[in-house]
Amino acid sequence: MLGNDAPVASVVGEIVPDREFYDYASKYDSTSTSEPVIPAKLTKAESKAIREMAVAAFKACDCAGLGACGLS
């Protein structure tokens, strides 16, 4: 998310973890094989819906500037 009065959501990305949960080791361990998938493998409609929800959440929380959202 980027913006103040008219925030814009970036492309939707996905992390494919190398274990059941994307935990500290999955993210930072040098032997981790977790992979980012950008853009995420979604339909255009799914991606649009997620980006719209992200903008709505950003506005509802009165955020500004730069923000990152994570859904699980």
PDB file of N, CA and C in Angstrom:
ATOM      1  N   MET A   1       0.841  -1.168   0.000  1.00  0.00           N
ATOM      2  CA  MET A   1       0.000   0.000   0.000  1.00  0.00           C
ATOM      3  C   MET A   1       0.884   1.227   0.000  1.00  0.00           C
ATOM      4  N   LEU A   2       0.465   2.208  -0.776  1.00  0.00           N
ATOM      5  CA  LEU A   2       1.196   3.454  -0.832  1.00  0.00           C
ATOM      6  C   LEU A   2       0.208   4.585  -1.045  1.00  0.00           C
ATOM      7  N   GLY A   3       0.282   5.585  -0.198  1.00  0.00           N
ATOM      8  CA  GLY A   3      -0.570   6.744  -0.391  1.00  0.00           C
ATOM      9  C   GLY A   3      -1.123   7.300   0.893  1.00  0.00           C
ATOM     10  N   ASN A   4      -1.816   8.431   0.746  1.00  0.00           N
ATOM     11  CA  ASN A   4      -2.459   9.080   1.881  1.00  0.00           C
ATOM     12  C   ASN A   4      -3.960   9.164   1.622  1.00  0.00           C
ATOM     13  N   ASP A   5      -4.406  10.189   0.916  1.00  0.00           N
ATOM     14  CA  ASP A   5      -5.836  10.356   0.652  1.00  0.00           C
ATOM     15  C   ASP A   5      -6.365   9.372  -0.391  1.00  0.00           C
ATOM     16  N   ALA A   6      -5.525   8.953  -1.313  1.00  0.00           N
ATOM     17  CA  ALA A   6      -5.935   8.020  -2.372  1.00  0.00           C
ATOM     18  C   ALA A   6      -4.906   6.890  -2.472  1.00  0.00           C
ATOM     19  N   PRO A   7      -4.892   5.979  -1.472  1.00  0.00           N
ATOM     20  CA  PRO A   7      -3.878   4.919  -1.465  1.00  0.00           C
ATOM     21  C   PRO A   7      -4.047   3.945  -2.641  1.00  0.00           C
ATOM     22  N   VAL A   8      -2.933   3.374  -3.043  1.00  0.00           N
ATOM     23  CA  VAL A   8      -2.906   2.422  -4.149  1.00  0.00           C
ATOM     24  C   VAL A   8      -2.276   1.124  -3.656  1.00  0.00           C
ATOM     25  N   ALA A   9      -2.893   0.010  -3.996  1.00  0.00           N
ATOM     26  CA  ALA A   9      -2.358  -1.296  -3.628  1.00  0.00           C
ATOM     27  C   ALA A   9      -1.448  -1.800  -4.739  1.00  0.00           C
ATOM     28  N   SER A  10      -0.329  -2.366  -4.358  1.00  0.00           N
ATOM     29  CA  SER A  10       0.594  -2.931  -5.338  1.00  0.00           C
ATOM     30  C   SER A  10       0.082  -4.291  -5.813  1.00  0.00           C
ATOM     31  N   VAL A  11       0.823  -4.900  -6.704  1.00  0.00           N
ATOM     32  CA  VAL A  11       0.484  -6.227  -7.197  1.00  0.00           C
ATOM     33  C   VAL A  11       0.455  -7.208  -6.018  1.00  0.00           C
ATOM     34  N   VAL A  12      -0.397  -8.216  -6.098  1.00  0.00           N
ATOM     35  CA  VAL A  12      -0.525  -9.210  -5.026  1.00  0.00           C
ATOM     36  C   VAL A  12       0.596 -10.227  -5.161  1.00  0.00           C
ATOM     37  N   GLY A  13       1.274 -10.488  -4.060  1.00  0.00           N
ATOM     38  CA  GLY A  13       2.344 -11.478  -4.025  1.00  0.00           C
ATOM     39  C   GLY A  13       1.997 -12.600  -3.061  1.00  0.00           C
ATOM     40  N   GLU A  14       2.762 -13.662  -3.135  1.00  0.00           N
ATOM     41  CA  GLU A  14       2.526 -14.837  -2.286  1.00  0.00           C
ATOM     42  C   GLU A  14       3.874 -15.396  -1.860  1.00  0.00           C
ATOM     43  N   ILE A  15       3.950 -15.909  -0.638  1.00  0.00           N
ATOM     44  CA  ILE A  15       5.130 -16.622  -0.173  1.00  0.00           C
ATOM     45  C   ILE A  15       4.764 -18.098  -0.097  1.00  0.00           C
ATOM     46  N   VAL A  16       5.527 -18.948  -0.772  1.00  0.00           N
ATOM     47  CA  VAL A  16       5.333 -20.394  -0.688  1.00  0.00           C
ATOM     48  C   VAL A  16       6.371 -20.900   0.315  1.00  0.00           C
ATOM     49  N   PRO A  17       5.921 -21.239   1.548  1.00  0.00           N
ATOM     50  CA  PRO A  17       6.869 -21.627   2.596  1.00  0.00           C
ATOM     51  C   PRO A  17       7.459 -23.013   2.350  1.00  0.00           C
ATOM     52  N   ASP A  18       8.625 -23.227   2.922  1.00  0.00           N
ATOM     53  CA  ASP A  18       9.291 -24.517   2.785  1.00  0.00           C
ATOM     54  C   ASP A  18       8.915 -25.487   3.908  1.00  0.00           C
ATOM     55  N   ARG A  19       7.985 -25.096   4.724  1.00  0.00           N
ATOM     56  CA  ARG A  19       7.495 -25.948   5.816  1.00  0.00           C
ATOM     57  C   ARG A  19       6.037 -25.599   6.084  1.00  0.00           C
ATOM     58  N   GLU A  20       5.434 -26.209   7.075  1.00  0.00           N
ATOM     59  CA  GLU A  20       4.003 -26.015   7.302  1.00  0.00           C
ATOM     60  C   GLU A  20       3.641 -24.551   7.563  1.00  0.00           C
ATOM     61  N   PHE A  21       4.463 -23.847   8.347  1.00  0.00           N
ATOM     62  CA  PHE A  21       4.193 -22.455   8.675  1.00  0.00           C
ATOM     63  C   PHE A  21       5.353 -21.587   8.198  1.00  0.00           C
ATOM     64  N   TYR A  22       5.045 -20.388   7.741  1.00  0.00           N
ATOM     65  CA  TYR A  22       6.084 -19.431   7.357  1.00  0.00           C
ATOM     66  C   TYR A  22       6.539 -18.746   8.628  1.00  0.00           C
ATOM     67  N   ASP A  23       7.547 -19.320   9.265  1.00  0.00           N
ATOM     68  CA  ASP A  23       8.025 -18.821  10.542  1.00  0.00           C
ATOM     69  C   ASP A  23       9.369 -18.106  10.378  1.00  0.00           C
ATOM     70  N   TYR A  24       9.974 -17.771  11.483  1.00  0.00           N
ATOM     71  CA  TYR A  24      11.240 -17.041  11.466  1.00  0.00           C
ATOM     72  C   TYR A  24      12.289 -17.787  10.640  1.00  0.00           C
ATOM     73  N   ALA A  25      12.413 -19.095  10.878  1.00  0.00           N
ATOM     74  CA  ALA A  25      13.414 -19.882  10.153  1.00  0.00           C
ATOM     75  C   ALA A  25      13.115 -19.916   8.661  1.00  0.00           C
ATOM     76  N   SER A  26      11.834 -20.039   8.300  1.00  0.00           N
ATOM     77  CA  SER A  26      11.464 -20.041   6.882  1.00  0.00           C
ATOM     78  C   SER A  26      11.883 -18.749   6.203  1.00  0.00           C
ATOM     79  N   LYS A  27      11.806 -17.663   6.946  1.00  0.00           N
ATOM     80  CA  LYS A  27      12.114 -16.361   6.363  1.00  0.00           C
ATOM     81  C   LYS A  27      13.613 -16.054   6.358  1.00  0.00           C
ATOM     82  N   TYR A  28      14.310 -16.379   7.453  1.00  0.00           N
ATOM     83  CA  TYR A  28      15.684 -15.911   7.614  1.00  0.00           C
ATOM     84  C   TYR A  28      16.775 -16.973   7.528  1.00  0.00           C
ATOM     85  N   ASP A  29      16.455 -18.246   7.678  1.00  0.00           N
ATOM     86  CA  ASP A  29      17.472 -19.300   7.645  1.00  0.00           C
ATOM     87  C   ASP A  29      18.076 -19.389   6.244  1.00  0.00           C
ATOM     88  N   SER A  30      19.376 -19.404   6.168  1.00  0.00           N
ATOM     89  CA  SER A  30      20.048 -19.424   4.861  1.00  0.00           C
ATOM     90  C   SER A  30      19.782 -20.712   4.086  1.00  0.00           C
ATOM     91  N   THR A  31      19.302 -21.752   4.758  1.00  0.00           N
ATOM     92  CA  THR A  31      18.999 -23.005   4.052  1.00  0.00           C
ATOM     93  C   THR A  31      17.522 -23.088   3.646  1.00  0.00           C
ATOM     94  N   SER A  32      16.754 -22.070   3.953  1.00  0.00           N
ATOM     95  CA  SER A  32      15.332 -22.060   3.613  1.00  0.00           C
ATOM     96  C   SER A  32      15.133 -22.064   2.103  1.00  0.00           C
ATOM     97  N   THR A  33      14.112 -22.792   1.680  1.00  0.00           N
ATOM     98  CA  THR A  33      13.780 -22.824   0.251  1.00  0.00           C
ATOM     99  C   THR A  33      12.414 -22.177  -0.004  1.00  0.00           C
ATOM    100  N   SER A  34      11.938 -21.366   0.953  1.00  0.00           N
ATOM    101  CA  SER A  34      10.692 -20.621   0.749  1.00  0.00           C
ATOM    102  C   SER A  34      10.871 -19.718  -0.464  1.00  0.00           C
ATOM    103  N   GLU A  35       9.795 -19.565  -1.254  1.00  0.00           N
ATOM    104  CA  GLU A  35       9.900 -18.775  -2.478  1.00  0.00           C
ATOM    105  C   GLU A  35       8.792 -17.740  -2.584  1.00  0.00           C
ATOM    106  N   PRO A  36       9.152 -16.519  -2.954  1.00  0.00           N
ATOM    107  CA  PRO A  36       8.120 -15.523  -3.250  1.00  0.00           C
ATOM    108  C   PRO A  36       7.586 -15.752  -4.665  1.00  0.00           C
ATOM    109  N   VAL A  37       6.284 -15.590  -4.832  1.00  0.00           N
ATOM    110  CA  VAL A  37       5.655 -15.697  -6.144  1.00  0.00           C
ATOM    111  C   VAL A  37       4.989 -14.347  -6.407  1.00  0.00           C
ATOM    112  N   ILE A  38       5.572 -13.570  -7.336  1.00  0.00           N
ATOM    113  CA  ILE A  38       5.073 -12.226  -7.620  1.00  0.00           C
ATOM    114  C   ILE A  38       4.991 -12.058  -9.125  1.00  0.00           C
ATOM    115  N   PRO A  39       3.806 -11.870  -9.642  1.00  0.00           N
ATOM    116  CA  PRO A  39       2.518 -11.783  -8.952  1.00  0.00           C
ATOM    117  C   PRO A  39       2.031 -13.167  -8.518  1.00  0.00           C
ATOM    118  N   ALA A  40       1.150 -13.182  -7.529  1.00  0.00           N
ATOM    119  CA  ALA A  40       0.576 -14.435  -7.044  1.00  0.00           C
ATOM    120  C   ALA A  40      -0.248 -15.084  -8.150  1.00  0.00           C
ATOM    121  N   LYS A  41      -0.362 -16.395  -8.070  1.00  0.00           N
ATOM    122  CA  LYS A  41      -1.119 -17.139  -9.084  1.00  0.00           C
ATOM    123  C   LYS A  41      -2.615 -17.036  -8.777  1.00  0.00           C
ATOM    124  N   LEU A  42      -3.209 -15.921  -9.194  1.00  0.00           N
ATOM    125  CA  LEU A  42      -4.617 -15.630  -8.956  1.00  0.00           C
ATOM    126  C   LEU A  42      -5.251 -15.167 -10.258  1.00  0.00           C
ATOM    127  N   THR A  43      -6.569 -15.255 -10.321  1.00  0.00           N
ATOM    128  CA  THR A  43      -7.260 -14.690 -11.474  1.00  0.00           C
ATOM    129  C   THR A  43      -7.235 -13.172 -11.340  1.00  0.00           C
ATOM    130  N   LYS A  44      -7.519 -12.481 -12.431  1.00  0.00           N
ATOM    131  CA  LYS A  44      -7.575 -11.020 -12.378  1.00  0.00           C
ATOM    132  C   LYS A  44      -8.636 -10.559 -11.397  1.00  0.00           C
ATOM    133  N   ALA A  45      -9.768 -11.265 -11.356  1.00  0.00           N
ATOM    134  CA  ALA A  45     -10.858 -10.904 -10.441  1.00  0.00           C
ATOM    135  C   ALA A  45     -10.427 -11.082  -8.984  1.00  0.00           C
ATOM    136  N   GLU A  46      -9.737 -12.177  -8.682  1.00  0.00           N
ATOM    137  CA  GLU A  46      -9.271 -12.409  -7.314  1.00  0.00           C
ATOM    138  C   GLU A  46      -8.260 -11.344  -6.898  1.00  0.00           C
ATOM    139  N   SER A  47      -7.329 -11.042  -7.788  1.00  0.00           N
ATOM    140  CA  SER A  47      -6.323 -10.027  -7.494  1.00  0.00           C
ATOM    141  C   SER A  47      -6.975  -8.667  -7.268  1.00  0.00           C
ATOM    142  N   LYS A  48      -7.945  -8.319  -8.098  1.00  0.00           N
ATOM    143  CA  LYS A  48      -8.646  -7.046  -7.955  1.00  0.00           C
ATOM    144  C   LYS A  48      -9.370  -6.975  -6.617  1.00  0.00           C
ATOM    145  N   ALA A  49     -10.053  -8.062  -6.237  1.00  0.00           N
ATOM    146  CA  ALA A  49     -10.791  -8.095  -4.970  1.00  0.00           C
ATOM    147  C   ALA A  49      -9.845  -7.934  -3.782  1.00  0.00           C
ATOM    148  N   ILE A  50      -8.713  -8.600  -3.815  1.00  0.00           N
ATOM    149  CA  ILE A  50      -7.742  -8.511  -2.720  1.00  0.00           C
ATOM    150  C   ILE A  50      -7.188  -7.100  -2.613  1.00  0.00           C
ATOM    151  N   ARG A  51      -6.860  -6.495  -3.750  1.00  0.00           N
ATOM    152  CA  ARG A  51      -6.329  -5.127  -3.741  1.00  0.00           C
ATOM    153  C   ARG A  51      -7.374  -4.143  -3.217  1.00  0.00           C
ATOM    154  N   GLU A  52      -8.648  -4.343  -3.586  1.00  0.00           N
ATOM    155  CA  GLU A  52      -9.711  -3.467  -3.082  1.00  0.00           C
ATOM    156  C   GLU A  52      -9.873  -3.618  -1.566  1.00  0.00           C
ATOM    157  N   MET A  53      -9.799  -4.864  -1.069  1.00  0.00           N
ATOM    158  CA  MET A  53      -9.897  -5.087   0.379  1.00  0.00           C
ATOM    159  C   MET A  53      -8.714  -4.449   1.107  1.00  0.00           C
ATOM    160  N   ALA A  54      -7.531  -4.514   0.513  1.00  0.00           N
ATOM    161  CA  ALA A  54      -6.349  -3.916   1.130  1.00  0.00           C
ATOM    162  C   ALA A  54      -6.503  -2.399   1.240  1.00  0.00           C
ATOM    163  N   VAL A  55      -7.014  -1.773   0.184  1.00  0.00           N
ATOM    164  CA  VAL A  55      -7.247  -0.326   0.212  1.00  0.00           C
ATOM    165  C   VAL A  55      -8.284   0.013   1.283  1.00  0.00           C
ATOM    166  N   ALA A  56      -9.362  -0.765   1.357  1.00  0.00           N
ATOM    167  CA  ALA A  56     -10.407  -0.518   2.358  1.00  0.00           C
ATOM    168  C   ALA A  56      -9.852  -0.658   3.774  1.00  0.00           C
ATOM    169  N   ALA A  57      -9.035  -1.671   4.024  1.00  0.00           N
ATOM    170  CA  ALA A  57      -8.449  -1.870   5.355  1.00  0.00           C
ATOM    171  C   ALA A  57      -7.489  -0.737   5.696  1.00  0.00           C
ATOM    172  N   PHE A  58      -6.693  -0.309   4.723  1.00  0.00           N
ATOM    173  CA  PHE A  58      -5.747   0.783   4.906  1.00  0.00           C
ATOM    174  C   PHE A  58      -6.483   2.053   5.317  1.00  0.00           C
ATOM    175  N   LYS A  59      -7.588   2.338   4.614  1.00  0.00           N
ATOM    176  CA  LYS A  59      -8.386   3.521   4.928  1.00  0.00           C
ATOM    177  C   LYS A  59      -9.085   3.373   6.277  1.00  0.00           C
ATOM    178  N   ALA A  60      -9.634   2.195   6.569  1.00  0.00           N
ATOM    179  CA  ALA A  60     -10.356   1.969   7.823  1.00  0.00           C
ATOM    180  C   ALA A  60      -9.453   2.154   9.042  1.00  0.00           C
ATOM    181  N   CYS A  61      -8.182   1.822   8.868  1.00  0.00           N
ATOM    182  CA  CYS A  61      -7.207   1.971   9.963  1.00  0.00           C
ATOM    183  C   CYS A  61      -6.560   3.349   9.970  1.00  0.00           C
ATOM    184  N   ASP A  62      -7.013   4.212   9.062  1.00  0.00           N
ATOM    185  CA  ASP A  62      -6.492   5.576   8.949  1.00  0.00           C
ATOM    186  C   ASP A  62      -4.975   5.589   8.748  1.00  0.00           C
ATOM    187  N   CYS A  63      -4.507   4.667   7.914  1.00  0.00           N
ATOM    188  CA  CYS A  63      -3.079   4.587   7.628  1.00  0.00           C
ATOM    189  C   CYS A  63      -2.690   5.653   6.608  1.00  0.00           C
ATOM    190  N   ALA A  64      -1.411   5.904   6.517  1.00  0.00           N
ATOM    191  CA  ALA A  64      -0.873   6.859   5.553  1.00  0.00           C
ATOM    192  C   ALA A  64       0.547   6.465   5.210  1.00  0.00           C
ATOM    193  N   GLY A  65       0.978   6.868   4.035  1.00  0.00           N
ATOM    194  CA  GLY A  65       2.351   6.601   3.637  1.00  0.00           C
ATOM    195  C   GLY A  65       2.501   5.237   3.011  1.00  0.00           C
ATOM    196  N   LEU A  66       3.273   4.369   3.638  1.00  0.00           N
ATOM    197  CA  LEU A  66       3.576   3.037   3.125  1.00  0.00           C
ATOM    198  C   LEU A  66       3.110   2.002   4.121  1.00  0.00           C
ATOM    199  N   GLY A  67       2.447   0.981   3.644  1.00  0.00           N
ATOM    200  CA  GLY A  67       1.980  -0.086   4.516  1.00  0.00           C
ATOM    201  C   GLY A  67       2.057  -1.420   3.812  1.00  0.00           C
ATOM    202  N   ALA A  68       2.169  -2.489   4.574  1.00  0.00           N
ATOM    203  CA  ALA A  68       2.200  -3.839   4.023  1.00  0.00           C
ATOM    204  C   ALA A  68       1.124  -4.661   4.712  1.00  0.00           C
ATOM    205  N   CYS A  69       0.430  -5.457   3.928  1.00  0.00           N
ATOM    206  CA  CYS A  69      -0.623  -6.314   4.464  1.00  0.00           C
ATOM    207  C   CYS A  69      -0.238  -7.770   4.254  1.00  0.00           C
ATOM    208  N   GLY A  70      -0.619  -8.591   5.161  1.00  0.00           N
ATOM    209  CA  GLY A  70      -0.412 -10.025   5.015  1.00  0.00           C
ATOM    210  C   GLY A  70      -1.678 -10.770   5.383  1.00  0.00           C
ATOM    211  N   LEU A  71      -2.089 -11.642   4.535  1.00  0.00           N
ATOM    212  CA  LEU A  71      -3.277 -12.467   4.788  1.00  0.00           C
ATOM    213  C   LEU A  71      -2.840 -13.902   4.856  1.00  0.00           C
ATOM    214  N   SER A  72      -3.439 -14.653   5.734  1.00  0.00           N
ATOM    215  CA  SER A  72      -3.115 -16.067   5.762  1.00  0.00           C
ATOM    216  C   SER A  72      -4.362 -16.898   5.782  1.00  0.00           C
TER     217      SER A  72
END
